[in-house]
Amino acid sequence: MEAIAEKLETKLHEWKPETSQKVRARVAEIIELADDDALDIGRSRSVEQEVMDILDEPPSR
């Protein structure tokens, strides 16, 4: 097993159940995007938040 998979398996057992459930859902989403060869078109939430922050900034003069 790859190191990342081993680390994920360990962490899933260490985190709170709610956190593990959220991580499982995100990993499943990433796997689905990879299977569809669509990772390059998926945007992360952090990127979306950055865009929203820029749009919310007052216009500069």
PDB file of N, CA and C in Angstrom:
ATOM      1  N   MET A   1       0.851  -1.180   0.000  1.00  0.00           N
ATOM      2  CA  MET A   1       0.000   0.000   0.000  1.00  0.00           C
ATOM      3  C   MET A   1       0.895   1.241   0.000  1.00  0.00           C
ATOM      4  N   GLU A   2       0.498   2.236  -0.735  1.00  0.00           N
ATOM      5  CA  GLU A   2       1.269   3.471  -0.791  1.00  0.00           C
ATOM      6  C   GLU A   2       1.247   4.180   0.562  1.00  0.00           C
ATOM      7  N   ALA A   3       2.274   4.959   0.792  1.00  0.00           N
ATOM      8  CA  ALA A   3       2.412   5.670   2.067  1.00  0.00           C
ATOM      9  C   ALA A   3       1.214   6.576   2.343  1.00  0.00           C
ATOM     10  N   ILE A   4       0.704   7.250   1.324  1.00  0.00           N
ATOM     11  CA  ILE A   4      -0.428   8.155   1.535  1.00  0.00           C
ATOM     12  C   ILE A   4      -1.675   7.395   1.961  1.00  0.00           C
ATOM     13  N   ALA A   5      -1.898   6.233   1.388  1.00  0.00           N
ATOM     14  CA  ALA A   5      -3.055   5.419   1.759  1.00  0.00           C
ATOM     15  C   ALA A   5      -2.909   4.905   3.190  1.00  0.00           C
ATOM     16  N   GLU A   6      -1.694   4.527   3.545  1.00  0.00           N
ATOM     17  CA  GLU A   6      -1.450   4.062   4.914  1.00  0.00           C
ATOM     18  C   GLU A   6      -1.673   5.192   5.909  1.00  0.00           C
ATOM     19  N   LYS A   7      -1.192   6.387   5.578  1.00  0.00           N
ATOM     20  CA  LYS A   7      -1.381   7.536   6.463  1.00  0.00           C
ATOM     21  C   LYS A   7      -2.859   7.874   6.607  1.00  0.00           C
ATOM     22  N   LEU A   8      -3.594   7.840   5.488  1.00  0.00           N
ATOM     23  CA  LEU A   8      -5.029   8.111   5.523  1.00  0.00           C
ATOM     24  C   LEU A   8      -5.744   7.096   6.406  1.00  0.00           C
ATOM     25  N   GLU A   9      -5.414   5.834   6.247  1.00  0.00           N
ATOM     26  CA  GLU A   9      -6.042   4.779   7.054  1.00  0.00           C
ATOM     27  C   GLU A   9      -5.797   5.026   8.541  1.00  0.00           C
ATOM     28  N   THR A  10      -4.576   5.380   8.888  1.00  0.00           N
ATOM     29  CA  THR A  10      -4.245   5.648  10.293  1.00  0.00           C
ATOM     30  C   THR A  10      -5.024   6.843  10.811  1.00  0.00           C
ATOM     31  N   LYS A  11      -5.028   7.919  10.049  1.00  0.00           N
ATOM     32  CA  LYS A  11      -5.707   9.146  10.480  1.00  0.00           C
ATOM     33  C   LYS A  11      -7.216   8.957  10.617  1.00  0.00           C
ATOM     34  N   LEU A  12      -7.806   8.185   9.731  1.00  0.00           N
ATOM     35  CA  LEU A  12      -9.255   7.957   9.812  1.00  0.00           C
ATOM     36  C   LEU A  12      -9.651   7.324  11.140  1.00  0.00           C
ATOM     37  N   HIS A  13      -8.742   6.549  11.710  1.00  0.00           N
ATOM     38  CA  HIS A  13      -9.017   5.914  13.006  1.00  0.00           C
ATOM     39  C   HIS A  13      -8.685   6.832  14.177  1.00  0.00           C
ATOM     40  N   GLU A  14      -7.880   7.868  13.943  1.00  0.00           N
ATOM     41  CA  GLU A  14      -7.483   8.795  15.003  1.00  0.00           C
ATOM     42  C   GLU A  14      -8.452   9.965  15.152  1.00  0.00           C
ATOM     43  N   TRP A  15      -9.014  10.426  14.038  1.00  0.00           N
ATOM     44  CA  TRP A  15      -9.876  11.599  14.067  1.00  0.00           C
ATOM     45  C   TRP A  15     -11.226  11.289  14.696  1.00  0.00           C
ATOM     46  N   LYS A  16     -11.931  12.368  15.048  1.00  0.00           N
ATOM     47  CA  LYS A  16     -13.309  12.225  15.519  1.00  0.00           C
ATOM     48  C   LYS A  16     -14.130  11.619  14.379  1.00  0.00           C
ATOM     49  N   PRO A  17     -15.176  10.865  14.715  1.00  0.00           N
ATOM     50  CA  PRO A  17     -15.993  10.225  13.674  1.00  0.00           C
ATOM     51  C   PRO A  17     -16.537  11.212  12.639  1.00  0.00           C
ATOM     52  N   GLU A  18     -16.912  12.408  13.073  1.00  0.00           N
ATOM     53  CA  GLU A  18     -17.451  13.392  12.134  1.00  0.00           C
ATOM     54  C   GLU A  18     -16.390  13.823  11.134  1.00  0.00           C
ATOM     55  N   THR A  19     -15.176  14.024  11.623  1.00  0.00           N
ATOM     56  CA  THR A  19     -14.081  14.423  10.747  1.00  0.00           C
ATOM     57  C   THR A  19     -13.761  13.312   9.759  1.00  0.00           C
ATOM     58  N   SER A  20     -13.687  12.080  10.249  1.00  0.00           N
ATOM     59  CA  SER A  20     -13.404  10.941   9.373  1.00  0.00           C
ATOM     60  C   SER A  20     -14.460  10.799   8.291  1.00  0.00           C
ATOM     61  N   GLN A  21     -15.712  11.013   8.654  1.00  0.00           N
ATOM     62  CA  GLN A  21     -16.800  10.910   7.678  1.00  0.00           C
ATOM     63  C   GLN A  21     -16.645  11.972   6.589  1.00  0.00           C
ATOM     64  N   LYS A  22     -16.306  13.199   6.979  1.00  0.00           N
ATOM     65  CA  LYS A  22     -16.121  14.276   6.001  1.00  0.00           C
ATOM     66  C   LYS A  22     -14.943  13.981   5.074  1.00  0.00           C
ATOM     67  N   VAL A  23     -13.850  13.472   5.651  1.00  0.00           N
ATOM     68  CA  VAL A  23     -12.672  13.152   4.848  1.00  0.00           C
ATOM     69  C   VAL A  23     -13.002  12.036   3.867  1.00  0.00           C
ATOM     70  N   ARG A  24     -13.706  11.015   4.324  1.00  0.00           N
ATOM     71  CA  ARG A  24     -14.096   9.916   3.429  1.00  0.00           C
ATOM     72  C   ARG A  24     -14.909  10.441   2.247  1.00  0.00           C
ATOM     73  N   ALA A  25     -15.832  11.354   2.519  1.00  0.00           N
ATOM     74  CA  ALA A  25     -16.667  11.916   1.456  1.00  0.00           C
ATOM     75  C   ALA A  25     -15.826  12.706   0.458  1.00  0.00           C
ATOM     76  N   ARG A  26     -14.882  13.502   0.965  1.00  0.00           N
ATOM     77  CA  ARG A  26     -14.030  14.285   0.076  1.00  0.00           C
ATOM     78  C   ARG A  26     -13.129  13.393  -0.765  1.00  0.00           C
ATOM     79  N   VAL A  27     -12.561  12.364  -0.134  1.00  0.00           N
ATOM     80  CA  VAL A  27     -11.693  11.446  -0.870  1.00  0.00           C
ATOM     81  C   VAL A  27     -12.492  10.724  -1.950  1.00  0.00           C
ATOM     82  N   ALA A  28     -13.710  10.308  -1.615  1.00  0.00           N
ATOM     83  CA  ALA A  28     -14.564   9.646  -2.604  1.00  0.00           C
ATOM     84  C   ALA A  28     -14.848  10.589  -3.776  1.00  0.00           C
ATOM     85  N   GLU A  29     -15.067  11.862  -3.478  1.00  0.00           N
ATOM     86  CA  GLU A  29     -15.315  12.852  -4.532  1.00  0.00           C
ATOM     87  C   GLU A  29     -14.085  13.006  -5.424  1.00  0.00           C
ATOM     88  N   ILE A  30     -12.912  13.059  -4.824  1.00  0.00           N
ATOM     89  CA  ILE A  30     -11.671  13.185  -5.594  1.00  0.00           C
ATOM     90  C   ILE A  30     -11.456  11.959  -6.469  1.00  0.00           C
ATOM     91  N   ILE A  31     -11.720  10.774  -5.927  1.00  0.00           N
ATOM     92  CA  ILE A  31     -11.571   9.548  -6.709  1.00  0.00           C
ATOM     93  C   ILE A  31     -12.514   9.574  -7.906  1.00  0.00           C
ATOM     94  N   GLU A  32     -13.745  10.008  -7.685  1.00  0.00           N
ATOM     95  CA  GLU A  32     -14.717  10.075  -8.778  1.00  0.00           C
ATOM     96  C   GLU A  32     -14.260  11.059  -9.862  1.00  0.00           C
ATOM     97  N   LEU A  33     -13.747  12.225  -9.442  1.00  0.00           N
ATOM     98  CA  LEU A  33     -13.243  13.198 -10.404  1.00  0.00           C
ATOM     99  C   LEU A  33     -12.061  12.635 -11.183  1.00  0.00           C
ATOM    100  N   ALA A  34     -11.174  11.922 -10.495  1.00  0.00           N
ATOM    101  CA  ALA A  34     -10.018  11.329 -11.164  1.00  0.00           C
ATOM    102  C   ALA A  34     -10.465  10.266 -12.162  1.00  0.00           C
ATOM    103  N   ASP A  35     -11.451   9.457 -11.777  1.00  0.00           N
ATOM    104  CA  ASP A  35     -11.969   8.436 -12.682  1.00  0.00           C
ATOM    105  C   ASP A  35     -12.569   9.058 -13.939  1.00  0.00           C
ATOM    106  N   ASP A  36     -13.175  10.229 -13.777  1.00  0.00           N
ATOM    107  CA  ASP A  36     -13.789  10.930 -14.906  1.00  0.00           C
ATOM    108  C   ASP A  36     -12.796  11.838 -15.629  1.00  0.00           C
ATOM    109  N   ASP A  37     -11.531  11.805 -15.191  1.00  0.00           N
ATOM    110  CA  ASP A  37     -10.476  12.652 -15.748  1.00  0.00           C
ATOM    111  C   ASP A  37     -10.878  14.122 -15.692  1.00  0.00           C
ATOM    112  N   ALA A  38     -11.466  14.509 -14.562  1.00  0.00           N
ATOM    113  CA  ALA A  38     -11.992  15.855 -14.425  1.00  0.00           C
ATOM    114  C   ALA A  38     -11.352  16.636 -13.283  1.00  0.00           C
ATOM    115  N   LEU A  39     -10.219  16.185 -12.789  1.00  0.00           N
ATOM    116  CA  LEU A  39      -9.580  16.895 -11.679  1.00  0.00           C
ATOM    117  C   LEU A  39      -9.180  18.309 -12.052  1.00  0.00           C
ATOM    118  N   ASP A  40      -8.786  18.516 -13.295  1.00  0.00           N
ATOM    119  CA  ASP A  40      -8.330  19.838 -13.695  1.00  0.00           C
ATOM    120  C   ASP A  40      -9.457  20.856 -13.775  1.00  0.00           C
ATOM    121  N   ILE A  41     -10.703  20.410 -13.856  1.00  0.00           N
ATOM    122  CA  ILE A  41     -11.804  21.358 -13.928  1.00  0.00           C
ATOM    123  C   ILE A  41     -12.500  21.555 -12.588  1.00  0.00           C
ATOM    124  N   GLY A  42     -12.188  20.710 -11.620  1.00  0.00           N
ATOM    125  CA  GLY A  42     -12.777  20.870 -10.294  1.00  0.00           C
ATOM    126  C   GLY A  42     -12.065  21.977  -9.532  1.00  0.00           C
ATOM    127  N   ARG A  43     -12.831  22.831  -8.870  1.00  0.00           N
ATOM    128  CA  ARG A  43     -12.236  23.915  -8.091  1.00  0.00           C
ATOM    129  C   ARG A  43     -12.329  23.563  -6.612  1.00  0.00           C
ATOM    130  N   SER A  44     -11.280  23.890  -5.899  1.00  0.00           N
ATOM    131  CA  SER A  44     -11.304  23.665  -4.465  1.00  0.00           C
ATOM    132  C   SER A  44     -12.111  24.767  -3.794  1.00  0.00           C
ATOM    133  N   ARG A  45     -12.580  24.498  -2.609  1.00  0.00           N
ATOM    134  CA  ARG A  45     -13.338  25.506  -1.879  1.00  0.00           C
ATOM    135  C   ARG A  45     -12.475  26.715  -1.564  1.00  0.00           C
ATOM    136  N   SER A  46     -11.197  26.492  -1.286  1.00  0.00           N
ATOM    137  CA  SER A  46     -10.323  27.624  -0.965  1.00  0.00           C
ATOM    138  C   SER A  46     -10.182  28.558  -2.160  1.00  0.00           C
ATOM    139  N   VAL A  47     -10.098  27.996  -3.372  1.00  0.00           N
ATOM    140  CA  VAL A  47     -10.007  28.837  -4.566  1.00  0.00           C
ATOM    141  C   VAL A  47     -11.312  29.607  -4.753  1.00  0.00           C
ATOM    142  N   GLU A  48     -12.431  28.948  -4.573  1.00  0.00           N
ATOM    143  CA  GLU A  48     -13.715  29.628  -4.699  1.00  0.00           C
ATOM    144  C   GLU A  48     -13.833  30.753  -3.670  1.00  0.00           C
ATOM    145  N   GLN A  49     -13.353  30.498  -2.438  1.00  0.00           N
ATOM    146  CA  GLN A  49     -13.429  31.531  -1.409  1.00  0.00           C
ATOM    147  C   GLN A  49     -12.543  32.709  -1.756  1.00  0.00           C
ATOM    148  N   GLU A  50     -11.374  32.454  -2.309  1.00  0.00           N
ATOM    149  CA  GLU A  50     -10.483  33.542  -2.732  1.00  0.00           C
ATOM    150  C   GLU A  50     -11.164  34.423  -3.769  1.00  0.00           C
ATOM    151  N   VAL A  51     -11.824  33.793  -4.726  1.00  0.00           N
ATOM    152  CA  VAL A  51     -12.539  34.555  -5.764  1.00  0.00           C
ATOM    153  C   VAL A  51     -13.649  35.387  -5.140  1.00  0.00           C
ATOM    154  N   MET A  52     -14.399  34.784  -4.229  1.00  0.00           N
ATOM    155  CA  MET A  52     -15.489  35.525  -3.569  1.00  0.00           C
ATOM    156  C   MET A  52     -14.939  36.698  -2.763  1.00  0.00           C
ATOM    157  N   ASP A  53     -13.807  36.498  -2.099  1.00  0.00           N
ATOM    158  CA  ASP A  53     -13.191  37.589  -1.327  1.00  0.00           C
ATOM    159  C   ASP A  53     -12.771  38.724  -2.243  1.00  0.00           C
ATOM    160  N   ILE A  54     -12.220  38.389  -3.400  1.00  0.00           N
ATOM    161  CA  ILE A  54     -11.805  39.420  -4.354  1.00  0.00           C
ATOM    162  C   ILE A  54     -13.022  40.191  -4.860  1.00  0.00           C
ATOM    163  N   LEU A  55     -14.104  39.480  -5.148  1.00  0.00           N
ATOM    164  CA  LEU A  55     -15.315  40.138  -5.639  1.00  0.00           C
ATOM    165  C   LEU A  55     -15.950  41.037  -4.564  1.00  0.00           C
ATOM    166  N   ASP A  56     -15.766  40.672  -3.301  1.00  0.00           N
ATOM    167  CA  ASP A  56     -16.347  41.454  -2.215  1.00  0.00           C
ATOM    168  C   ASP A  56     -15.519  42.674  -1.835  1.00  0.00           C
ATOM    169  N   GLU A  57     -14.279  42.742  -2.307  1.00  0.00           N
ATOM    170  CA  GLU A  57     -13.417  43.880  -1.971  1.00  0.00           C
ATOM    171  C   GLU A  57     -13.966  45.139  -2.612  1.00  0.00           C
ATOM    172  N   PRO A  58     -13.824  46.269  -1.896  1.00  0.00           N
ATOM    173  CA  PRO A  58     -14.274  47.531  -2.512  1.00  0.00           C
ATOM    174  C   PRO A  58     -13.400  47.853  -3.709  1.00  0.00           C
ATOM    175  N   PRO A  59     -13.964  48.477  -4.723  1.00  0.00           N
ATOM    176  CA  PRO A  59     -13.174  48.804  -5.908  1.00  0.00           C
ATOM    177  C   PRO A  59     -12.042  49.762  -5.559  1.00  0.00           C
ATOM    178  N   SER A  60     -10.881  49.532  -6.146  1.00  0.00           N
ATOM    179  CA  SER A  60      -9.749  50.444  -5.930  1.00  0.00           C
ATOM    180  C   SER A  60      -9.803  51.564  -6.961  1.00  0.00           C
ATOM    181  N   ARG A  61      -9.268  52.688  -6.599  1.00  0.00           N
ATOM    182  CA  ARG A  61      -9.336  53.847  -7.510  1.00  0.00           C
ATOM    183  C   ARG A  61      -8.032  54.084  -8.146  1.00  0.00           C
TER     184      ARG A  61
END
